[in-house]
């Protein structure tokens, strides 16, 4: 069931709203997501709204430089990303959502490692 959530980084500089269904939660085993250990949901662009902190967002890109991984430059928390395989969507870090315990969701694994373009 889709619901509107408020999310933020640890220090609160980056704030956003996202409409999503927690039942769509997943993890990924690509080299980056494995290190982030994030539980996320992928949503359409129109279901995401950045409320504050655009100037506080850092950007990490690697390999093909298509995916855009955003984090707070102040506290370092990964908040959301734009995936290489679906750049019109947002991947939301569920641990950043108010009132959500991402660890309790027991999400399935997306085999991102097999989709990677890494040599």
N, C-alpha and C. Protein backbone atom coordinates (compact mmCIF):
# COMPACT_ATOMS: atom_id res chain seq x y z
N UNK A 1 0.84 -1.17 0.00
CA UNK A 1 0.00 0.00 0.00
C UNK A 1 0.90 1.25 0.00
N UNK A 2 0.72 2.09 -0.99
CA UNK A 2 1.52 3.30 -1.08
C UNK A 2 1.12 4.30 -0.01
N UNK A 3 2.13 4.97 0.52
CA UNK A 3 1.93 5.97 1.56
C UNK A 3 2.97 7.06 1.37
N UNK A 4 2.65 8.26 1.78
CA UNK A 4 3.58 9.40 1.72
C UNK A 4 4.45 9.38 2.98
N UNK A 5 5.77 9.45 2.80
CA UNK A 5 6.72 9.47 3.91
C UNK A 5 7.57 10.72 3.85
N UNK A 6 7.99 11.17 5.01
CA UNK A 6 8.99 12.24 5.11
C UNK A 6 10.32 11.56 5.42
N UNK A 7 11.38 12.04 4.78
CA UNK A 7 12.70 11.48 5.02
C UNK A 7 13.74 12.57 5.16
N UNK A 8 14.85 12.21 5.78
CA UNK A 8 15.95 13.16 5.94
C UNK A 8 17.24 12.40 6.21
N UNK A 9 18.34 13.13 6.07
CA UNK A 9 19.63 12.60 6.46
C UNK A 9 19.73 12.69 7.99
N UNK A 10 20.86 12.31 8.55
CA UNK A 10 21.03 12.31 10.00
C UNK A 10 20.98 13.71 10.60
N UNK A 11 21.64 14.68 9.95
CA UNK A 11 21.69 16.04 10.51
C UNK A 11 20.47 16.88 10.15
N UNK A 12 19.63 16.40 9.23
CA UNK A 12 18.41 17.11 8.86
C UNK A 12 18.58 18.14 7.76
N UNK A 13 19.79 18.30 7.24
CA UNK A 13 20.01 19.28 6.17
C UNK A 13 19.28 18.90 4.89
N UNK A 14 19.27 17.60 4.56
CA UNK A 14 18.57 17.11 3.37
C UNK A 14 17.24 16.54 3.82
N UNK A 15 16.15 17.05 3.25
CA UNK A 15 14.81 16.59 3.60
C UNK A 15 14.03 16.34 2.32
N UNK A 16 13.21 15.29 2.34
CA UNK A 16 12.44 14.94 1.15
C UNK A 16 11.15 14.25 1.53
N UNK A 17 10.25 14.16 0.57
CA UNK A 17 9.03 13.37 0.69
C UNK A 17 9.05 12.33 -0.42
N UNK A 18 8.53 11.16 -0.11
CA UNK A 18 8.47 10.08 -1.10
C UNK A 18 7.19 9.28 -0.90
N UNK A 19 6.52 9.00 -1.99
CA UNK A 19 5.32 8.17 -1.97
C UNK A 19 5.77 6.78 -2.41
N UNK A 20 5.60 5.79 -1.50
CA UNK A 20 6.10 4.45 -1.80
C UNK A 20 5.36 3.39 -1.00
N UNK A 21 5.61 2.16 -1.39
CA UNK A 21 5.06 0.99 -0.71
C UNK A 21 6.22 0.23 -0.08
N UNK A 22 6.23 0.08 1.23
CA UNK A 22 7.30 -0.62 1.91
C UNK A 22 7.41 -2.08 1.47
N UNK A 23 6.34 -2.64 0.92
CA UNK A 23 6.37 -4.02 0.43
C UNK A 23 7.31 -4.16 -0.77
N UNK A 24 7.69 -3.04 -1.38
CA UNK A 24 8.61 -3.06 -2.53
C UNK A 24 10.08 -2.96 -2.11
N UNK A 25 10.35 -3.04 -0.82
CA UNK A 25 11.71 -2.91 -0.31
C UNK A 25 12.61 -4.00 -0.89
N UNK A 26 13.89 -3.63 -1.08
CA UNK A 26 14.88 -4.59 -1.58
C UNK A 26 16.26 -4.17 -1.12
N UNK A 27 17.17 -5.10 -1.23
CA UNK A 27 18.59 -4.81 -1.07
C UNK A 27 19.25 -5.19 -2.39
N UNK A 28 20.51 -4.82 -2.54
CA UNK A 28 21.22 -5.08 -3.79
C UNK A 28 22.62 -5.56 -3.46
N UNK A 29 23.15 -6.47 -4.28
CA UNK A 29 24.48 -7.01 -4.02
C UNK A 29 25.56 -6.46 -4.96
N UNK A 30 25.29 -5.34 -5.64
CA UNK A 30 26.34 -4.74 -6.46
C UNK A 30 27.46 -4.25 -5.53
N UNK A 31 28.59 -3.90 -6.09
CA UNK A 31 29.74 -3.53 -5.25
C UNK A 31 29.46 -2.31 -4.37
N UNK A 32 28.70 -1.34 -4.84
CA UNK A 32 28.40 -0.15 -4.04
C UNK A 32 27.33 -0.45 -2.99
N UNK A 33 26.23 -1.03 -3.39
CA UNK A 33 25.14 -1.29 -2.44
C UNK A 33 25.57 -2.26 -1.34
N UNK A 34 26.44 -3.21 -1.67
CA UNK A 34 26.94 -4.13 -0.65
C UNK A 34 27.65 -3.37 0.46
N UNK A 35 28.39 -2.35 0.09
CA UNK A 35 29.11 -1.57 1.10
C UNK A 35 28.18 -0.61 1.84
N UNK A 36 27.15 -0.09 1.16
CA UNK A 36 26.18 0.80 1.82
C UNK A 36 25.26 0.04 2.75
N UNK A 37 24.98 -1.23 2.40
CA UNK A 37 24.08 -2.09 3.17
C UNK A 37 22.71 -1.45 3.35
N UNK A 38 22.24 -0.79 2.33
CA UNK A 38 20.96 -0.08 2.41
C UNK A 38 19.78 -0.95 2.01
N UNK A 39 18.65 -0.67 2.63
CA UNK A 39 17.36 -1.22 2.22
C UNK A 39 16.67 -0.08 1.48
N UNK A 40 16.21 -0.35 0.27
CA UNK A 40 15.68 0.74 -0.55
C UNK A 40 14.42 0.32 -1.29
N UNK A 41 13.73 1.34 -1.81
CA UNK A 41 12.57 1.16 -2.69
C UNK A 41 12.79 2.06 -3.89
N UNK A 42 12.50 1.54 -5.06
CA UNK A 42 12.60 2.32 -6.30
C UNK A 42 11.22 2.88 -6.63
N UNK A 43 11.16 4.20 -6.88
CA UNK A 43 9.87 4.85 -7.15
C UNK A 43 9.97 5.74 -8.39
N UNK A 44 8.84 6.03 -9.03
CA UNK A 44 8.84 6.97 -10.16
C UNK A 44 9.25 8.37 -9.71
N UNK A 45 9.85 9.12 -10.62
CA UNK A 45 10.32 10.46 -10.32
C UNK A 45 9.24 11.37 -9.76
N UNK A 46 8.02 11.23 -10.23
CA UNK A 46 6.95 12.11 -9.77
C UNK A 46 6.52 11.83 -8.33
N UNK A 47 6.98 10.70 -7.77
CA UNK A 47 6.64 10.35 -6.39
C UNK A 47 7.70 10.80 -5.40
N UNK A 48 8.67 11.60 -5.86
CA UNK A 48 9.74 12.10 -5.01
C UNK A 48 9.78 13.61 -5.05
N UNK A 49 9.97 14.24 -3.89
CA UNK A 49 10.09 15.70 -3.83
C UNK A 49 11.18 16.07 -2.84
N UNK A 50 12.22 16.74 -3.32
CA UNK A 50 13.26 17.26 -2.44
C UNK A 50 12.73 18.53 -1.79
N UNK A 51 12.68 18.55 -0.46
CA UNK A 51 12.13 19.68 0.28
C UNK A 51 13.19 20.69 0.70
N UNK A 52 14.37 20.19 1.04
CA UNK A 52 15.43 21.07 1.52
C UNK A 52 16.78 20.39 1.33
N UNK A 53 17.81 21.22 1.20
CA UNK A 53 19.17 20.71 1.20
C UNK A 53 19.79 20.39 -0.14
N UNK A 54 19.22 20.90 -1.23
CA UNK A 54 19.83 20.62 -2.53
C UNK A 54 21.30 21.03 -2.53
N UNK A 55 21.61 22.14 -1.88
CA UNK A 55 22.99 22.63 -1.83
C UNK A 55 23.86 21.79 -0.89
N UNK A 56 23.27 20.91 -0.10
CA UNK A 56 24.01 20.04 0.82
C UNK A 56 24.25 18.65 0.24
N UNK A 57 23.72 18.39 -0.96
CA UNK A 57 23.85 17.06 -1.55
C UNK A 57 25.20 16.88 -2.23
N UNK A 58 25.86 15.80 -1.86
CA UNK A 58 27.05 15.36 -2.57
C UNK A 58 26.62 14.33 -3.59
N UNK A 59 27.44 14.13 -4.60
CA UNK A 59 27.13 13.18 -5.67
C UNK A 59 28.29 12.22 -5.85
N UNK A 60 27.97 10.94 -5.87
CA UNK A 60 28.98 9.92 -6.16
C UNK A 60 28.56 9.17 -7.41
N UNK A 61 29.47 9.10 -8.37
CA UNK A 61 29.24 8.34 -9.60
C UNK A 61 30.47 7.49 -9.86
N UNK A 62 30.27 6.34 -10.47
CA UNK A 62 31.38 5.46 -10.77
C UNK A 62 31.06 4.69 -12.04
N UNK A 63 32.02 3.96 -12.55
CA UNK A 63 31.89 3.10 -13.72
C UNK A 63 31.34 3.90 -14.91
N UNK A 64 30.10 3.69 -15.32
CA UNK A 64 29.54 4.37 -16.50
C UNK A 64 29.14 5.81 -16.22
N UNK A 65 29.10 6.21 -14.96
CA UNK A 65 28.72 7.57 -14.54
C UNK A 65 27.28 7.93 -14.90
N UNK A 66 26.42 6.94 -15.07
CA UNK A 66 25.00 7.18 -15.35
C UNK A 66 24.22 7.26 -14.04
N UNK A 67 24.44 6.31 -13.15
CA UNK A 67 23.75 6.33 -11.85
C UNK A 67 24.25 7.52 -11.03
N UNK A 68 23.36 8.08 -10.24
CA UNK A 68 23.70 9.23 -9.39
C UNK A 68 23.33 8.89 -7.95
N UNK A 69 24.35 8.75 -7.13
CA UNK A 69 24.15 8.39 -5.73
C UNK A 69 24.35 9.64 -4.88
N UNK A 70 23.29 10.07 -4.20
CA UNK A 70 23.31 11.32 -3.45
C UNK A 70 23.46 11.06 -1.95
N UNK A 71 24.24 11.91 -1.31
CA UNK A 71 24.47 11.82 0.12
C UNK A 71 24.61 13.23 0.68
N UNK A 72 24.39 13.37 1.97
CA UNK A 72 24.54 14.68 2.62
C UNK A 72 26.03 14.98 2.81
N UNK A 73 26.46 16.14 2.34
CA UNK A 73 27.87 16.54 2.47
C UNK A 73 28.23 16.83 3.92
N UNK A 74 27.24 17.09 4.76
CA UNK A 74 27.51 17.40 6.16
C UNK A 74 27.65 16.15 7.02
N UNK A 75 26.66 15.26 6.99
CA UNK A 75 26.70 14.07 7.86
C UNK A 75 27.07 12.79 7.12
N UNK A 76 27.09 12.82 5.79
CA UNK A 76 27.55 11.66 5.02
C UNK A 76 26.52 10.60 4.71
N UNK A 77 25.28 10.79 5.13
CA UNK A 77 24.26 9.75 4.95
C UNK A 77 23.77 9.69 3.50
N UNK A 78 23.74 8.45 2.94
CA UNK A 78 23.15 8.19 1.63
C UNK A 78 21.64 8.33 1.78
N UNK A 79 21.05 9.24 1.02
CA UNK A 79 19.61 9.50 1.13
C UNK A 79 18.81 8.89 -0.01
N UNK A 80 19.31 9.04 -1.25
CA UNK A 80 18.61 8.50 -2.41
C UNK A 80 19.57 8.43 -3.59
N UNK A 81 19.13 7.75 -4.64
CA UNK A 81 19.94 7.67 -5.85
C UNK A 81 19.05 7.58 -7.08
N UNK A 82 19.66 7.80 -8.23
CA UNK A 82 19.01 7.60 -9.53
C UNK A 82 19.74 6.41 -10.17
N UNK A 83 19.08 5.27 -10.33
CA UNK A 83 19.77 4.08 -10.81
C UNK A 83 20.15 4.14 -12.30
N UNK A 84 21.24 3.49 -12.63
CA UNK A 84 21.68 3.40 -14.02
C UNK A 84 20.63 2.69 -14.88
N UNK A 85 20.05 1.64 -14.34
CA UNK A 85 19.09 0.84 -15.11
C UNK A 85 17.73 1.51 -15.26
N UNK A 86 17.46 2.55 -14.46
CA UNK A 86 16.18 3.27 -14.53
C UNK A 86 16.40 4.71 -14.08
N UNK A 87 17.12 5.53 -14.87
CA UNK A 87 17.47 6.88 -14.43
C UNK A 87 16.30 7.84 -14.23
N UNK A 88 15.09 7.44 -14.65
CA UNK A 88 13.90 8.24 -14.43
C UNK A 88 13.28 7.98 -13.05
N UNK A 89 13.85 7.03 -12.31
CA UNK A 89 13.32 6.66 -11.00
C UNK A 89 14.29 7.11 -9.89
N UNK A 90 13.79 7.04 -8.67
CA UNK A 90 14.60 7.31 -7.50
C UNK A 90 14.67 6.04 -6.65
N UNK A 91 15.82 5.73 -6.14
CA UNK A 91 15.99 4.69 -5.13
C UNK A 91 16.06 5.39 -3.79
N UNK A 92 15.16 5.07 -2.90
CA UNK A 92 15.06 5.76 -1.61
C UNK A 92 15.66 4.88 -0.51
N UNK A 93 16.54 5.45 0.30
CA UNK A 93 17.09 4.75 1.45
C UNK A 93 16.02 4.74 2.55
N UNK A 94 15.44 3.58 2.80
CA UNK A 94 14.34 3.49 3.75
C UNK A 94 14.75 3.82 5.18
N UNK A 95 16.02 3.71 5.51
CA UNK A 95 16.48 4.07 6.85
C UNK A 95 16.37 5.57 7.10
N UNK A 96 16.20 6.36 6.04
CA UNK A 96 16.06 7.81 6.19
C UNK A 96 14.61 8.24 6.42
N UNK A 97 13.66 7.31 6.33
CA UNK A 97 12.25 7.68 6.47
C UNK A 97 11.83 7.71 7.93
N UNK A 98 11.11 8.74 8.31
CA UNK A 98 10.59 8.87 9.67
C UNK A 98 9.63 7.71 9.98
N UNK A 99 9.83 7.07 11.12
CA UNK A 99 8.91 6.04 11.58
C UNK A 99 9.05 4.70 10.90
N UNK A 100 10.11 4.48 10.12
CA UNK A 100 10.29 3.21 9.42
C UNK A 100 11.54 2.52 9.96
N UNK A 101 11.40 1.25 10.34
CA UNK A 101 12.54 0.43 10.74
C UNK A 101 12.89 -0.46 9.56
N UNK A 102 13.79 0.01 8.73
CA UNK A 102 14.14 -0.70 7.50
C UNK A 102 14.68 -2.10 7.77
N UNK A 103 15.34 -2.31 8.90
CA UNK A 103 15.92 -3.61 9.24
C UNK A 103 14.84 -4.67 9.45
N UNK A 104 13.64 -4.25 9.82
CA UNK A 104 12.58 -5.21 10.12
C UNK A 104 11.83 -5.69 8.88
N UNK A 105 12.14 -5.14 7.72
CA UNK A 105 11.36 -5.44 6.51
C UNK A 105 11.75 -6.75 5.83
N UNK A 106 12.92 -7.30 6.12
CA UNK A 106 13.38 -8.55 5.53
C UNK A 106 13.23 -8.54 4.00
N UNK A 107 13.87 -7.59 3.33
CA UNK A 107 13.68 -7.41 1.89
C UNK A 107 14.40 -8.46 1.06
N UNK A 108 13.88 -8.76 -0.13
CA UNK A 108 14.58 -9.67 -1.03
C UNK A 108 15.81 -8.99 -1.63
N UNK A 109 16.69 -9.80 -2.20
CA UNK A 109 17.94 -9.32 -2.79
C UNK A 109 17.80 -9.16 -4.30
N UNK A 110 18.12 -7.98 -4.80
CA UNK A 110 18.24 -7.75 -6.23
C UNK A 110 19.67 -8.11 -6.61
N UNK A 111 19.83 -8.96 -7.62
CA UNK A 111 21.17 -9.37 -8.04
C UNK A 111 21.80 -8.32 -8.94
N UNK A 112 22.10 -7.17 -8.35
CA UNK A 112 22.72 -6.09 -9.10
C UNK A 112 24.12 -6.41 -9.57
N UNK A 113 24.80 -7.33 -8.88
CA UNK A 113 26.15 -7.70 -9.28
C UNK A 113 26.15 -8.31 -10.70
N UNK A 114 25.12 -9.07 -11.01
CA UNK A 114 25.06 -9.67 -12.36
C UNK A 114 24.69 -8.67 -13.42
N UNK A 115 24.16 -7.51 -13.03
CA UNK A 115 23.79 -6.47 -13.98
C UNK A 115 24.90 -5.44 -14.17
N UNK A 116 25.93 -5.53 -13.35
CA UNK A 116 27.00 -4.55 -13.35
C UNK A 116 27.80 -4.61 -14.66
N UNK A 117 28.27 -3.45 -15.10
CA UNK A 117 29.09 -3.36 -16.29
C UNK A 117 30.57 -3.38 -15.95
N UNK A 118 30.88 -3.67 -14.69
CA UNK A 118 32.28 -3.69 -14.28
C UNK A 118 33.01 -4.84 -14.96
N UNK A 119 34.27 -4.60 -15.23
CA UNK A 119 35.09 -5.64 -15.85
C UNK A 119 35.61 -6.60 -14.80
